[in-house]
Amino acid sequence: MGFHGKDLRRGRHSATGQIYFVTTVTHRRERLFSHWTGAIAVARVIHLFTGLTSARIHAWVLMPDHLHCLIELGDVSLNQCMQQLKSRTAIALNRSTGRSGTVWQSGFHDHALRREEDLKATARYLVANPLRAGLVRSLRDYPFWNAVWL
């Protein structure tokens, strides 16, 4: 018996002040962020997102077909936060590229960080994804990431 998105959401609990490592994937794993125009439009939304909601993005990296981020919740649930982020980034991508249609798969994967987990070490791991994927030799050469500690 397979699992479906709603099965993954059962038992998910959102807590104000909790930090989550979140991954969300593009629809059909399309490499929508391989092109500068769309990727920069989405990166701008991610950069501004903290000012638009009570959630705070501590670190993020936009890969060709997915997004990783560290999100600290404010007074919204994780589901609400991700719905807002995915909606705003989808609108920006479609407007900037002249495309239409679905950008993100439904659902997302999340991991609530425990107190003993080192936030900065987790952020370093997250933003190093382009290196591990072989997209660049140096993180300085990859433009679509950020962390609040810079």
Protein backbone atom coordinates (compact mmCIF):
# COMPACT_ATOMS: atom_id res chain seq x y z
CA MET A 1 0.00 0.00 0.00
CA GLY A 2 1.51 3.34 -1.07
CA PHE A 3 1.57 6.59 0.82
CA HIS A 4 -0.05 9.73 -0.45
CA GLY A 5 0.59 13.39 0.39
CA LYS A 6 -2.23 13.54 2.91
CA ASP A 7 -0.80 10.46 4.67
CA LEU A 8 2.49 12.31 5.12
CA ARG A 9 0.67 15.28 6.64
CA ARG A 10 -1.07 13.18 9.31
CA GLY A 11 0.51 13.87 12.64
CA ARG A 12 2.36 16.96 11.40
CA HIS A 13 2.46 19.50 14.16
CA SER A 14 3.40 23.16 13.70
CA ALA A 15 4.83 25.08 16.63
CA THR A 16 5.54 28.80 16.82
CA GLY A 17 9.29 29.35 17.03
CA GLN A 18 10.07 25.83 15.76
CA ILE A 19 12.64 25.62 12.94
CA TYR A 20 12.01 23.18 10.11
CA PHE A 21 14.28 21.89 7.35
CA VAL A 22 11.87 21.84 4.39
CA THR A 23 12.23 20.44 0.88
CA THR A 24 9.73 21.00 -1.89
CA VAL A 25 10.01 19.70 -5.43
CA THR A 26 8.87 21.07 -8.77
CA HIS A 27 5.95 19.52 -10.62
CA ARG A 28 7.19 16.41 -12.45
CA ARG A 29 10.72 17.33 -11.30
CA GLU A 30 10.95 19.85 -14.13
CA ARG A 31 14.24 21.76 -14.03
CA LEU A 32 12.40 25.09 -13.88
CA PHE A 33 15.21 26.88 -12.04
CA SER A 34 17.98 25.99 -14.50
CA HIS A 35 17.36 29.26 -16.34
CA TRP A 36 18.40 32.60 -14.89
CA THR A 37 15.14 34.50 -15.50
CA GLY A 38 12.90 32.15 -13.56
CA ALA A 39 15.44 31.33 -10.85
CA ILE A 40 16.17 34.99 -10.07
CA ALA A 41 12.43 35.78 -9.87
CA VAL A 42 11.91 32.95 -7.38
CA ALA A 43 15.05 33.91 -5.42
CA ARG A 44 13.69 37.47 -5.02
CA VAL A 45 10.43 36.15 -3.55
CA ILE A 46 12.32 33.90 -1.14
CA HIS A 47 14.54 36.81 -0.11
CA LEU A 48 11.52 39.03 0.60
CA PHE A 49 9.34 36.31 2.13
CA THR A 50 10.36 36.98 5.74
CA GLY A 51 9.01 40.53 5.44
CA LEU A 52 5.71 39.29 3.99
CA THR A 53 4.83 36.75 6.67
CA SER A 54 5.50 35.96 10.31
CA ALA A 55 7.72 33.03 9.32
CA ARG A 56 11.46 33.61 8.96
CA ILE A 57 13.68 31.87 6.41
CA HIS A 58 17.13 31.40 7.95
CA ALA A 59 18.77 29.70 4.96
CA TRP A 60 17.72 28.48 1.53
CA VAL A 61 19.07 27.02 -1.69
CA LEU A 62 17.21 26.82 -4.99
CA MET A 63 18.28 23.78 -6.98
CA PRO A 64 17.25 23.17 -10.62
CA ASP A 65 14.17 21.16 -9.60
CA HIS A 66 13.66 21.75 -5.88
CA LEU A 67 14.02 24.12 -2.95
CA HIS A 68 15.54 23.49 0.48
CA CYS A 69 15.04 25.98 3.29
CA LEU A 70 15.27 26.42 7.04
CA ILE A 71 12.05 28.08 8.19
CA GLU A 72 11.25 29.35 11.67
CA LEU A 73 7.52 29.59 12.18
CA GLY A 74 5.75 32.64 13.49
CA ASP A 75 1.99 32.64 13.98
CA VAL A 76 1.26 30.55 10.87
CA SER A 77 1.32 26.78 10.52
CA LEU A 78 3.99 25.11 8.42
CA ASN A 79 1.32 24.13 5.89
CA GLN A 80 0.14 27.77 5.62
CA CYS A 81 3.71 29.02 5.35
CA MET A 82 4.59 26.59 2.58
CA GLN A 83 1.35 27.28 0.72
CA GLN A 84 2.16 31.01 0.76
CA LEU A 85 5.78 30.46 -0.30
CA LYS A 86 4.88 28.06 -3.10
CA SER A 87 2.07 30.29 -4.35
CA ARG A 88 4.17 33.46 -4.39
CA THR A 89 7.15 31.76 -6.06
CA ALA A 90 4.93 30.08 -8.67
CA ILE A 91 3.34 33.41 -9.60
CA ALA A 92 6.77 35.05 -9.86
CA LEU A 93 8.20 32.25 -11.99
CA ASN A 94 5.24 32.15 -14.37
CA ARG A 95 5.15 35.94 -14.76
CA SER A 96 8.89 36.27 -15.34
CA THR A 97 9.11 33.47 -17.90
CA GLY A 98 5.76 33.87 -19.63
CA ARG A 99 4.84 30.29 -18.81
CA SER A 100 1.67 29.08 -17.15
CA GLY A 101 0.80 26.01 -15.22
CA THR A 102 1.79 24.13 -12.13
CA VAL A 103 5.21 24.87 -10.64
CA TRP A 104 5.33 22.77 -7.46
CA GLN A 105 4.29 19.24 -6.58
CA SER A 106 1.70 19.14 -3.84
CA GLY A 107 3.07 18.61 -0.36
CA PHE A 108 6.62 18.91 0.94
CA HIS A 109 9.04 17.09 3.18
CA ASP A 110 9.91 18.59 6.55
CA HIS A 111 12.11 17.80 9.51
CA ALA A 112 11.70 19.69 12.78
CA LEU A 113 15.14 20.52 14.15
CA ARG A 114 15.74 19.35 17.67
CA ARG A 115 17.43 21.62 20.19
CA GLU A 116 20.64 19.62 20.05
CA GLU A 117 20.92 20.03 16.29
CA ASP A 118 23.28 22.82 15.33
CA LEU A 119 21.35 25.36 13.25
CA LYS A 120 24.42 26.81 11.52
CA ALA A 121 25.80 23.35 10.68
CA THR A 122 22.41 22.41 9.23
CA ALA A 123 22.40 25.64 7.19
CA ARG A 124 25.93 24.89 5.90
CA TYR A 125 24.77 21.42 4.86
CA LEU A 126 21.69 22.88 3.15
CA VAL A 127 23.50 25.54 1.12
CA ALA A 128 26.24 23.09 0.09
CA ASN A 129 23.75 21.13 -2.03
CA PRO A 130 24.99 22.63 -5.33
CA LEU A 131 28.52 21.42 -4.48
CA ARG A 132 27.37 17.88 -3.68
CA ALA A 133 25.24 17.83 -6.84
CA GLY A 134 28.27 18.80 -8.94
CA LEU A 135 26.67 22.00 -10.22
CA VAL A 136 29.65 24.14 -9.18
CA ARG A 137 33.14 23.70 -7.74
CA SER A 138 32.73 26.57 -5.29
CA LEU A 139 29.62 27.86 -3.58
CA ARG A 140 30.75 31.35 -4.63
CA ASP A 141 29.86 30.29 -8.18
CA TYR A 142 26.24 29.43 -7.32
CA PRO A 143 23.94 32.47 -7.06
CA PHE A 144 20.72 30.96 -5.74
CA TRP A 145 21.22 30.57 -2.00
CA ASN A 146 21.42 32.67 1.11
CA ALA A 147 21.73 32.43 4.89
CA VAL A 148 20.99 35.04 7.53
CA TRP A 149 24.50 34.70 8.99
CA LEU A 150 26.14 36.34 5.97
